[in-house]
Amino acid sequence: MLPLSSTIEFSTAASLGLALLLGLGFGFCLERAGFGSARKLTAVFYLWDMAVVKVMFTAIVTAMVGLFLLSTLGLMDLSELYIEPTSLAAQALGGLVFGAGFIVGGYCPGTSIAALATGRKDGMTFALGMLAGVTVYAEFTPGIEAWIKEGSVGELTLPMLTGVGMGWWALAFVAFLVFAGWGMGRLEQRFAGLRPQP
């Protein structure tokens, strides 16, 4: 029965080992996809290379469909999965800060570590800035946690919010992924001429 942590008691060493293996695998995949390059990542904002959005959106929809199928087949207990409580104001603010950092720095947290691991100086600079931001948040912003909890409405999912089953949402997102992929391809063709030549 999945998730494995609900039926298997992992030791601390095993948990850390699995985390390391998953992290290395994720970082390897990011680098192989070209996501360790700030130029590749920021190209999405100029609409001439939408690979980042295509990959991330495909991963999200694949996970959604996978979770639905595993749950339907009785192989996964979805109640065992942690869902971050919804706090709309805090998450909107966090999204804006995240997006601004992505635009200015050219990386997100995961891709900056992939860039750092391959020796890119801009990735190292971004990762150090991210560490400084986390430290400031943790040490010098009392009251933030209380504000987040005050605005929390608890666990909230699309099926809970709308009363429409997860299977229908998964199907809708698959259809939207196909349409979005087509649309992003058109955007890439339209703006390809604006791509700077190496």
C-alpha atoms as a PDB file:
ATOM      1  CA  MET A   1       0.000   0.000   0.000  1.00  0.00           C
ATOM      2  CA  LEU A   2       1.325   3.434  -0.934  1.00  0.00           C
ATOM      3  CA  PRO A   3       2.725   5.696   0.319  1.00  0.00           C
ATOM      4  CA  LEU A   4       5.401   3.334   1.624  1.00  0.00           C
ATOM      5  CA  SER A   5       5.900   5.430   4.763  1.00  0.00           C
ATOM      6  CA  SER A   6       2.407   4.419   5.912  1.00  0.00           C
ATOM      7  CA  THR A   7       3.328   0.710   6.008  1.00  0.00           C
ATOM      8  CA  ILE A   8       7.135   0.689   6.410  1.00  0.00           C
ATOM      9  CA  GLU A   9       9.071   2.247   9.272  1.00  0.00           C
ATOM     10  CA  PHE A  10      12.171   3.782   7.665  1.00  0.00           C
ATOM     11  CA  SER A  11      15.205   4.471   9.828  1.00  0.00           C
ATOM     12  CA  THR A  12      16.680   7.971   9.821  1.00  0.00           C
ATOM     13  CA  ALA A  13      19.639   6.724   7.758  1.00  0.00           C
ATOM     14  CA  ALA A  14      17.319   5.076   5.208  1.00  0.00           C
ATOM     15  CA  SER A  15      15.172   8.218   4.983  1.00  0.00           C
ATOM     16  CA  LEU A  16      18.246  10.399   4.417  1.00  0.00           C
ATOM     17  CA  GLY A  17      19.631   7.919   1.876  1.00  0.00           C
ATOM     18  CA  LEU A  18      16.355   7.902  -0.078  1.00  0.00           C
ATOM     19  CA  ALA A  19      16.209  11.707   0.058  1.00  0.00           C
ATOM     20  CA  LEU A  20      19.769  11.904  -1.294  1.00  0.00           C
ATOM     21  CA  LEU A  21      19.048   9.465  -4.129  1.00  0.00           C
ATOM     22  CA  LEU A  22      15.839  11.260  -5.093  1.00  0.00           C
ATOM     23  CA  GLY A  23      17.582  14.638  -4.925  1.00  0.00           C
ATOM     24  CA  LEU A  24      20.464  13.468  -7.106  1.00  0.00           C
ATOM     25  CA  GLY A  25      18.042  11.962  -9.601  1.00  0.00           C
ATOM     26  CA  PHE A  26      15.917  15.101  -9.700  1.00  0.00           C
ATOM     27  CA  GLY A  27      18.979  17.315 -10.116  1.00  0.00           C
ATOM     28  CA  PHE A  28      20.348  15.077 -12.882  1.00  0.00           C
ATOM     29  CA  CYS A  29      17.041  15.274 -14.762  1.00  0.00           C
ATOM     30  CA  LEU A  30      16.912  19.068 -14.360  1.00  0.00           C
ATOM     31  CA  GLU A  31      20.426  19.445 -15.733  1.00  0.00           C
ATOM     32  CA  ARG A  32      19.842  17.019 -18.622  1.00  0.00           C
ATOM     33  CA  ALA A  33      16.732  19.008 -19.569  1.00  0.00           C
ATOM     34  CA  GLY A  34      18.819  22.191 -19.643  1.00  0.00           C
ATOM     35  CA  PHE A  35      17.168  23.654 -16.555  1.00  0.00           C
ATOM     36  CA  GLY A  36      20.503  24.358 -14.881  1.00  0.00           C
ATOM     37  CA  SER A  37      20.876  27.309 -17.264  1.00  0.00           C
ATOM     38  CA  ALA A  38      19.351  30.676 -16.394  1.00  0.00           C
ATOM     39  CA  ARG A  39      19.130  31.501 -20.121  1.00  0.00           C
ATOM     40  CA  LYS A  40      17.019  28.429 -20.772  1.00  0.00           C
ATOM     41  CA  LEU A  41      14.799  29.161 -17.777  1.00  0.00           C
ATOM     42  CA  THR A  42      14.216  32.845 -18.505  1.00  0.00           C
ATOM     43  CA  ALA A  43      13.507  32.183 -22.200  1.00  0.00           C
ATOM     44  CA  VAL A  44       9.950  31.335 -21.133  1.00  0.00           C
ATOM     45  CA  PHE A  45       9.357  34.986 -20.190  1.00  0.00           C
ATOM     46  CA  TYR A  46      10.259  36.013 -23.755  1.00  0.00           C
ATOM     47  CA  LEU A  47       7.970  33.300 -25.209  1.00  0.00           C
ATOM     48  CA  TRP A  48      10.578  31.826 -27.543  1.00  0.00           C
ATOM     49  CA  ASP A  49      11.216  28.645 -25.529  1.00  0.00           C
ATOM     50  CA  MET A  50       8.385  27.254 -23.397  1.00  0.00           C
ATOM     51  CA  ALA A  51      10.202  24.046 -22.389  1.00  0.00           C
ATOM     52  CA  VAL A  52      10.126  24.903 -18.680  1.00  0.00           C
ATOM     53  CA  VAL A  53       6.349  25.326 -18.601  1.00  0.00           C
ATOM     54  CA  LYS A  54       5.798  22.263 -20.796  1.00  0.00           C
ATOM     55  CA  VAL A  55       7.927  20.014 -18.578  1.00  0.00           C
ATOM     56  CA  MET A  56       6.585  21.288 -15.262  1.00  0.00           C
ATOM     57  CA  PHE A  57       2.935  21.250 -16.349  1.00  0.00           C
ATOM     58  CA  THR A  58       3.345  17.757 -17.822  1.00  0.00           C
ATOM     59  CA  ALA A  59       4.904  16.574 -14.548  1.00  0.00           C
ATOM     60  CA  ILE A  60       2.013  18.027 -12.527  1.00  0.00           C
ATOM     61  CA  VAL A  61      -0.646  16.429 -14.734  1.00  0.00           C
ATOM     62  CA  THR A  62       1.225  13.099 -14.775  1.00  0.00           C
ATOM     63  CA  ALA A  63       1.355  13.116 -10.965  1.00  0.00           C
ATOM     64  CA  MET A  64      -2.358  13.983 -10.801  1.00  0.00           C
ATOM     65  CA  VAL A  65      -3.324  11.143 -13.139  1.00  0.00           C
ATOM     66  CA  GLY A  66      -0.955   8.741 -11.366  1.00  0.00           C
ATOM     67  CA  LEU A  67      -2.403   9.545  -7.952  1.00  0.00           C
ATOM     68  CA  PHE A  68      -5.941   9.150  -9.267  1.00  0.00           C
ATOM     69  CA  LEU A  69      -5.182   5.763 -10.863  1.00  0.00           C
ATOM     70  CA  LEU A  70      -3.289   4.436  -7.825  1.00  0.00           C
ATOM     71  CA  SER A  71      -6.136   5.552  -5.564  1.00  0.00           C
ATOM     72  CA  THR A  72      -8.809   4.060  -7.842  1.00  0.00           C
ATOM     73  CA  LEU A  73      -6.951   0.731  -7.981  1.00  0.00           C
ATOM     74  CA  GLY A  74      -6.721   0.686  -4.188  1.00  0.00           C
ATOM     75  CA  LEU A  75      -2.934   0.881  -4.214  1.00  0.00           C
ATOM     76  CA  MET A  76      -2.684   4.269  -2.494  1.00  0.00           C
ATOM     77  CA  ASP A  77      -4.427   5.846   0.453  1.00  0.00           C
ATOM     78  CA  LEU A  78      -4.650   9.533  -0.475  1.00  0.00           C
ATOM     79  CA  SER A  79      -5.528  10.460   3.114  1.00  0.00           C
ATOM     80  CA  GLU A  80      -1.934   9.537   4.027  1.00  0.00           C
ATOM     81  CA  LEU A  81      -0.546  12.305   1.807  1.00  0.00           C
ATOM     82  CA  TYR A  82       0.249  15.653   3.369  1.00  0.00           C
ATOM     83  CA  ILE A  83      -1.577  18.634   1.875  1.00  0.00           C
ATOM     84  CA  GLU A  84      -0.302  22.097   2.753  1.00  0.00           C
ATOM     85  CA  PRO A  85      -3.136  24.055   4.407  1.00  0.00           C
ATOM     86  CA  THR A  86      -4.494  26.769   2.114  1.00  0.00           C
ATOM     87  CA  SER A  87      -3.781  30.347   3.137  1.00  0.00           C
ATOM     88  CA  LEU A  88      -4.685  32.401   0.086  1.00  0.00           C
ATOM     89  CA  ALA A  89      -3.086  35.718   1.104  1.00  0.00           C
ATOM     90  CA  ALA A  90       0.179  34.109   2.221  1.00  0.00           C
ATOM     91  CA  GLN A  91       0.374  31.867  -0.842  1.00  0.00           C
ATOM     92  CA  ALA A  92      -0.390  34.757  -3.213  1.00  0.00           C
ATOM     93  CA  LEU A  93       2.349  36.844  -1.578  1.00  0.00           C
ATOM     94  CA  GLY A  94       4.750  33.895  -1.662  1.00  0.00           C
ATOM     95  CA  GLY A  95       3.964  33.315  -5.334  1.00  0.00           C
ATOM     96  CA  LEU A  96       4.711  36.945  -6.165  1.00  0.00           C
ATOM     97  CA  VAL A  97       8.027  36.854  -4.283  1.00  0.00           C
ATOM     98  CA  PHE A  98       8.922  33.523  -5.920  1.00  0.00           C
ATOM     99  CA  GLY A  99       8.035  34.836  -9.389  1.00  0.00           C
ATOM    100  CA  ALA A 100       9.983  38.056  -8.890  1.00  0.00           C
ATOM    101  CA  GLY A 101      13.017  36.082  -7.765  1.00  0.00           C
ATOM    102  CA  PHE A 102      12.684  33.786 -10.774  1.00  0.00           C
ATOM    103  CA  ILE A 103      12.528  36.717 -13.208  1.00  0.00           C
ATOM    104  CA  VAL A 104      15.377  38.688 -11.610  1.00  0.00           C
ATOM    105  CA  GLY A 105      17.691  35.790 -10.753  1.00  0.00           C
ATOM    106  CA  GLY A 106      16.832  33.385 -13.548  1.00  0.00           C
ATOM    107  CA  TYR A 107      16.434  30.393 -11.244  1.00  0.00           C
ATOM    108  CA  CYS A 108      13.985  28.729  -8.895  1.00  0.00           C
ATOM    109  CA  PRO A 109      15.286  26.942  -5.764  1.00  0.00           C
ATOM    110  CA  GLY A 110      15.699  23.515  -7.368  1.00  0.00           C
ATOM    111  CA  THR A 111      17.290  24.724 -10.583  1.00  0.00           C
ATOM    112  CA  SER A 112      19.719  26.978  -8.679  1.00  0.00           C
ATOM    113  CA  ILE A 113      21.046  23.928  -6.804  1.00  0.00           C
ATOM    114  CA  ALA A 114      21.374  22.028 -10.102  1.00  0.00           C
ATOM    115  CA  ALA A 115      23.332  24.997 -11.507  1.00  0.00           C
ATOM    116  CA  LEU A 116      25.462  25.174  -8.349  1.00  0.00           C
ATOM    117  CA  ALA A 117      26.269  21.455  -8.613  1.00  0.00           C
ATOM    118  CA  THR A 118      27.597  21.959 -12.136  1.00  0.00           C
ATOM    119  CA  GLY A 119      29.806  24.893 -11.108  1.00  0.00           C
ATOM    120  CA  ARG A 120      27.796  27.826 -12.457  1.00  0.00           C
ATOM    121  CA  LYS A 121      28.668  30.992 -10.549  1.00  0.00           C
ATOM    122  CA  ASP A 122      25.264  32.583 -11.091  1.00  0.00           C
ATOM    123  CA  GLY A 123      23.650  29.453  -9.641  1.00  0.00           C
ATOM    124  CA  MET A 124      25.921  29.683  -6.593  1.00  0.00           C
ATOM    125  CA  THR A 125      25.054  33.369  -6.139  1.00  0.00           C
ATOM    126  CA  PHE A 126      21.326  32.636  -6.398  1.00  0.00           C
ATOM    127  CA  ALA A 127      21.579  29.694  -3.971  1.00  0.00           C
ATOM    128  CA  LEU A 128      23.434  31.857  -1.424  1.00  0.00           C
ATOM    129  CA  GLY A 129      20.786  34.567  -1.800  1.00  0.00           C
ATOM    130  CA  MET A 130      18.060  31.972  -1.295  1.00  0.00           C
ATOM    131  CA  LEU A 131      19.805  30.723   1.865  1.00  0.00           C
ATOM    132  CA  ALA A 132      20.073  34.296   3.150  1.00  0.00           C
ATOM    133  CA  GLY A 133      16.362  34.852   2.477  1.00  0.00           C
ATOM    134  CA  VAL A 134      15.383  31.675   4.307  1.00  0.00           C
ATOM    135  CA  THR A 135      17.574  32.705   7.268  1.00  0.00           C
ATOM    136  CA  VAL A 136      16.028  36.179   7.417  1.00  0.00           C
ATOM    137  CA  TYR A 137      12.539  34.675   7.220  1.00  0.00           C
ATOM    138  CA  ALA A 138      13.242  32.139   9.967  1.00  0.00           C
ATOM    139  CA  GLU A 139      15.111  34.414  12.351  1.00  0.00           C
ATOM    140  CA  PHE A 140      13.883  37.958  11.842  1.00  0.00           C
ATOM    141  CA  THR A 141      10.213  37.846  10.896  1.00  0.00           C
ATOM    142  CA  PRO A 142       8.259  37.011  14.051  1.00  0.00           C
ATOM    143  CA  GLY A 143       4.536  36.945  13.583  1.00  0.00           C
ATOM    144  CA  ILE A 144       4.608  35.640  10.001  1.00  0.00           C
ATOM    145  CA  GLU A 145       3.670  32.107  11.064  1.00  0.00           C
ATOM    146  CA  ALA A 146       0.780  33.429  13.153  1.00  0.00           C
ATOM    147  CA  TRP A 147      -0.437  35.534  10.190  1.00  0.00           C
ATOM    148  CA  ILE A 148      -0.288  32.490   7.902  1.00  0.00           C
ATOM    149  CA  LYS A 149      -2.213  30.344  10.394  1.00  0.00           C
ATOM    150  CA  GLU A 150      -4.832  33.062  10.931  1.00  0.00           C
ATOM    151  CA  GLY A 151      -5.594  33.127   7.209  1.00  0.00           C
ATOM    152  CA  SER A 152      -5.583  29.352   6.809  1.00  0.00           C
ATOM    153  CA  VAL A 153      -8.747  27.634   5.633  1.00  0.00           C
ATOM    154  CA  GLY A 154      -7.264  24.152   6.087  1.00  0.00           C
ATOM    155  CA  GLU A 155      -6.767  21.520   3.428  1.00  0.00           C
ATOM    156  CA  LEU A 156      -8.485  22.534   0.213  1.00  0.00           C
ATOM    157  CA  THR A 157      -8.537  20.606  -3.064  1.00  0.00           C
ATOM    158  CA  LEU A 158     -10.442  21.128  -6.307  1.00  0.00           C
ATOM    159  CA  PRO A 159     -12.733  18.118  -5.676  1.00  0.00           C
ATOM    160  CA  MET A 160     -13.490  19.407  -2.159  1.00  0.00           C
ATOM    161  CA  LEU A 161     -14.101  22.942  -3.416  1.00  0.00           C
ATOM    162  CA  THR A 162     -16.323  22.026  -6.365  1.00  0.00           C
ATOM    163  CA  GLY A 163     -17.830  18.647  -5.534  1.00  0.00           C
ATOM    164  CA  VAL A 164     -16.527  17.345  -8.887  1.00  0.00           C
ATOM    165  CA  GLY A 165     -14.633  14.045  -8.609  1.00  0.00           C
ATOM    166  CA  MET A 166     -10.862  13.765  -8.949  1.00  0.00           C
ATOM    167  CA  GLY A 167     -11.161  11.658 -12.098  1.00  0.00           C
ATOM    168  CA  TRP A 168     -13.017  14.427 -13.932  1.00  0.00           C
ATOM    169  CA  TRP A 169     -10.426  16.975 -12.815  1.00  0.00           C
ATOM    170  CA  ALA A 170      -7.619  14.698 -14.012  1.00  0.00           C
ATOM    171  CA  LEU A 171      -9.339  14.325 -17.390  1.00  0.00           C
ATOM    172  CA  ALA A 172      -9.877  18.087 -17.639  1.00  0.00           C
ATOM    173  CA  PHE A 173      -6.219  18.777 -16.888  1.00  0.00           C
ATOM    174  CA  VAL A 174      -5.068  16.217 -19.473  1.00  0.00           C
ATOM    175  CA  ALA A 175      -7.251  17.957 -22.083  1.00  0.00           C
ATOM    176  CA  PHE A 176      -5.956  21.367 -21.009  1.00  0.00           C
ATOM    177  CA  LEU A 177      -2.361  20.086 -21.180  1.00  0.00           C
ATOM    178  CA  VAL A 178      -2.886  19.031 -24.804  1.00  0.00           C
ATOM    179  CA  PHE A 179      -4.425  22.400 -25.677  1.00  0.00           C
ATOM    180  CA  ALA A 180      -1.743  24.333 -23.757  1.00  0.00           C
ATOM    181  CA  GLY A 181       1.029  22.345 -25.458  1.00  0.00           C
ATOM    182  CA  TRP A 182      -0.399  23.272 -28.845  1.00  0.00           C
ATOM    183  CA  GLY A 183      -0.725  26.929 -27.788  1.00  0.00           C
ATOM    184  CA  MET A 184       2.815  27.091 -26.435  1.00  0.00           C
ATOM    185  CA  GLY A 185       4.114  25.599 -29.679  1.00  0.00           C
ATOM    186  CA  ARG A 186       2.390  28.380 -31.580  1.00  0.00           C
ATOM    187  CA  LEU A 187       3.914  30.991 -29.276  1.00  0.00           C
ATOM    188  CA  GLU A 188       7.382  29.533 -29.814  1.00  0.00           C
ATOM    189  CA  GLN A 189       6.928  29.734 -33.589  1.00  0.00           C
ATOM    190  CA  ARG A 190       5.619  33.294 -33.349  1.00  0.00           C
ATOM    191  CA  PHE A 191       8.491  34.601 -31.207  1.00  0.00           C
ATOM    192  CA  ALA A 192      11.344  32.401 -32.520  1.00  0.00           C
ATOM    193  CA  GLY A 193      12.705  35.296 -34.573  1.00  0.00           C
ATOM    194  CA  LEU A 194      13.321  37.328 -31.410  1.00  0.00           C
ATOM    195  CA  ARG A 195      15.678  34.708 -29.923  1.00  0.00           C
ATOM    196  CA  PRO A 196      19.207  36.124 -29.655  1.00  0.00           C
ATOM    197  CA  GLN A 197      21.781  34.239 -31.694  1.00  0.00           C
ATOM    198  CA  PRO A 198      24.772  32.733 -29.793  1.00  0.00           C
END
